[in-house]
Amino acid sequence: MFESGIVIAICGAVICALLGCCGSALGVMYAGKSAAGVVSEKPDLFGKMLVLQALPGTQGIYGFLIAILVMVNTGLLGTPADISVATGWQYFFATLPMAIVGLISGIAQGKTAAAAIQMTGKQPDASGKGITMTALVETYAILALLTSILLIFSIK
């Protein structure tokens, strides 16, 4: 059973969703800790803090999206396809860019957002700069997302 292609593909989908969500959870936590400190002293900045705290949450969404694509392409949302072990490994490896980068970039984006939150706490007009700095980390999550999507759609 564990040598079937579908099980290998499922493992890739699970790892991708799991690591992307873990990276986002940690990133949002880092940003949230900073935001709580700023908002306790300046409650009027809550809206700006919320935007910065939410940004690291996208990696979890991307990991979930890749997991869904694997499930759709392998028939897991209907009748599972009888795919070969080699094809299962193709799906597994196609999920790795988003899984690994999702974990790392979610954490890195959270740390960047935490710094941007501290900057915004001192200079509220600098929140746009902080969003830009935090969004730059997102670029690499998007590149990993696109890589995983292209790899999934190239599997025959």
Protein backbone atom coordinates (compact mmCIF):
# COMPACT_ATOMS: atom_id res chain seq x y z
CA MET A 1 0.00 0.00 0.00
CA PHE A 2 2.70 2.52 0.96
CA GLU A 3 4.44 1.78 -2.31
CA SER A 4 1.52 2.93 -4.43
CA GLY A 5 1.81 6.14 -6.39
CA ILE A 6 -1.30 7.69 -4.90
CA VAL A 7 0.05 7.37 -1.34
CA ILE A 8 3.30 9.07 -2.35
CA ALA A 9 1.36 11.90 -4.03
CA ILE A 10 -0.83 12.29 -0.92
CA CYS A 11 2.29 12.54 1.24
CA GLY A 12 3.53 15.40 -0.94
CA ALA A 13 0.19 17.21 -0.65
CA VAL A 14 0.15 16.76 3.12
CA ILE A 15 3.73 17.97 3.56
CA CYS A 16 3.07 21.02 1.38
CA ALA A 17 -0.04 22.08 3.30
CA LEU A 18 1.58 21.25 6.64
CA LEU A 19 4.83 23.18 6.11
CA GLY A 20 3.15 26.16 4.44
CA CYS A 21 0.67 26.46 7.31
CA CYS A 22 3.42 26.04 9.93
CA GLY A 23 5.48 28.80 8.31
CA SER A 24 2.45 31.09 8.21
CA ALA A 25 1.43 30.32 11.78
CA LEU A 26 4.91 31.13 13.06
CA GLY A 27 5.17 34.24 10.90
CA VAL A 28 1.79 35.56 11.98
CA MET A 29 2.74 34.82 15.61
CA TYR A 30 5.98 36.82 15.38
CA ALA A 31 4.14 39.75 13.81
CA GLY A 32 1.26 39.44 16.28
CA LYS A 33 3.56 39.65 19.28
CA SER A 34 4.99 42.91 17.95
CA ALA A 35 1.58 44.24 16.99
CA ALA A 36 0.18 43.54 20.45
CA GLY A 37 2.94 45.62 21.99
CA VAL A 38 2.38 48.55 19.65
CA VAL A 39 -1.42 48.46 19.90
CA SER A 40 -1.27 48.38 23.71
CA GLU A 41 0.34 51.83 23.57
CA LYS A 42 -1.26 53.15 20.37
CA PRO A 43 -4.69 51.53 19.85
CA ASP A 44 -5.41 53.81 16.89
CA LEU A 45 -2.77 51.90 14.86
CA PHE A 46 -4.72 48.62 15.02
CA GLY A 47 -5.70 48.70 11.32
CA LYS A 48 -2.12 49.18 10.16
CA MET A 49 -0.92 46.46 12.53
CA LEU A 50 -3.56 44.04 11.28
CA VAL A 51 -2.44 44.40 7.64
CA LEU A 52 1.19 43.80 8.55
CA GLN A 53 0.33 40.85 10.77
CA ALA A 54 -1.81 39.19 8.08
CA LEU A 55 0.84 39.27 5.35
CA PRO A 56 2.79 36.18 6.51
CA GLY A 57 -0.44 34.16 6.36
CA THR A 58 -0.34 33.69 2.61
CA GLN A 59 2.16 30.83 2.60
CA GLY A 60 -0.39 28.60 4.30
CA ILE A 61 -2.91 29.48 1.60
CA TYR A 62 -0.37 28.68 -1.12
CA GLY A 63 0.52 25.33 0.46
CA PHE A 64 -3.18 24.47 0.71
CA LEU A 65 -3.69 25.45 -2.95
CA ILE A 66 -0.90 23.12 -4.08
CA ALA A 67 -2.34 20.30 -1.96
CA ILE A 68 -5.75 20.83 -3.62
CA LEU A 69 -4.16 20.77 -7.09
CA VAL A 70 -2.50 17.44 -6.30
CA MET A 71 -5.79 16.05 -5.00
CA VAL A 72 -7.70 17.22 -8.08
CA ASN A 73 -5.06 15.97 -10.53
CA THR A 74 -4.84 12.55 -8.89
CA GLY A 75 -8.61 12.17 -8.54
CA LEU A 76 -8.57 12.22 -4.74
CA LEU A 77 -11.65 14.42 -4.64
CA GLY A 78 -13.52 11.75 -6.59
CA THR A 79 -12.30 8.31 -7.52
CA PRO A 80 -8.52 8.14 -6.94
CA ALA A 81 -6.52 7.45 -10.06
CA ASP A 82 -4.33 4.39 -10.23
CA ILE A 83 -1.06 6.24 -10.72
CA SER A 84 2.35 4.66 -10.91
CA VAL A 85 4.97 4.97 -8.21
CA ALA A 86 7.05 7.12 -10.58
CA THR A 87 4.12 9.49 -11.10
CA GLY A 88 3.51 9.59 -7.35
CA TRP A 89 7.09 10.67 -6.85
CA GLN A 90 6.66 13.34 -9.53
CA TYR A 91 3.74 14.80 -7.58
CA PHE A 92 5.69 14.51 -4.34
CA PHE A 93 8.68 16.42 -5.72
CA ALA A 94 6.42 18.97 -7.42
CA THR A 95 5.10 19.97 -3.99
CA LEU A 96 8.54 20.48 -2.44
CA PRO A 97 9.28 24.01 -3.77
CA MET A 98 6.14 25.39 -2.13
CA ALA A 99 6.50 23.24 0.98
CA ILE A 100 10.07 24.24 1.78
CA VAL A 101 9.87 27.87 0.67
CA GLY A 102 6.46 28.23 2.35
CA LEU A 103 7.93 27.22 5.69
CA ILE A 104 11.03 29.40 5.43
CA SER A 105 9.43 32.46 3.81
CA GLY A 106 6.46 32.43 6.21
CA ILE A 107 8.85 32.68 9.15
CA ALA A 108 11.06 35.24 7.39
CA GLN A 109 8.07 37.33 6.38
CA GLY A 110 6.80 37.27 9.95
CA LYS A 111 10.11 38.54 11.26
CA THR A 112 10.16 41.25 8.60
CA ALA A 113 6.57 42.18 9.46
CA ALA A 114 7.51 42.38 13.16
CA ALA A 115 10.27 44.86 12.32
CA ALA A 116 7.89 46.82 10.08
CA ILE A 117 5.35 46.90 12.91
CA GLN A 118 7.95 48.33 15.28
CA MET A 119 8.88 50.93 12.66
CA THR A 120 5.21 51.84 12.15
CA GLY A 121 4.74 52.12 15.92
CA LYS A 122 7.42 54.81 15.99
CA GLN A 123 6.50 56.41 12.65
CA PRO A 124 2.86 55.66 11.69
CA ASP A 125 3.28 57.26 8.27
CA ALA A 126 5.93 54.63 7.43
CA SER A 127 3.43 51.74 7.33
CA GLY A 128 3.47 51.71 3.51
CA LYS A 129 7.22 51.24 3.56
CA GLY A 130 6.80 48.43 6.07
CA ILE A 131 4.21 46.71 3.88
CA THR A 132 6.58 46.98 0.91
CA MET A 133 9.47 45.49 2.87
CA THR A 134 7.28 42.65 4.09
CA ALA A 135 5.82 42.02 0.64
CA LEU A 136 9.29 41.62 -0.87
CA VAL A 137 9.68 38.36 1.05
CA GLU A 138 6.38 37.25 -0.51
CA THR A 139 8.03 37.33 -3.94
CA TYR A 140 9.88 34.11 -3.19
CA ALA A 141 6.77 32.35 -1.93
CA ILE A 142 5.03 33.32 -5.19
CA LEU A 143 7.96 32.00 -7.24
CA ALA A 144 7.81 28.70 -5.34
CA LEU A 145 4.04 28.58 -5.82
CA LEU A 146 4.42 29.06 -9.58
CA THR A 147 7.19 26.45 -9.73
CA SER A 148 5.02 23.87 -7.97
CA ILE A 149 2.02 24.70 -10.18
CA LEU A 150 4.09 24.34 -13.36
CA LEU A 151 5.60 21.07 -12.16
CA ILE A 152 2.16 19.65 -11.30
CA PHE A 153 0.71 20.59 -14.67
CA SER A 154 3.71 19.10 -16.47
CA ILE A 155 3.01 15.62 -15.03
CA LYS A 156 1.42 13.33 -17.59
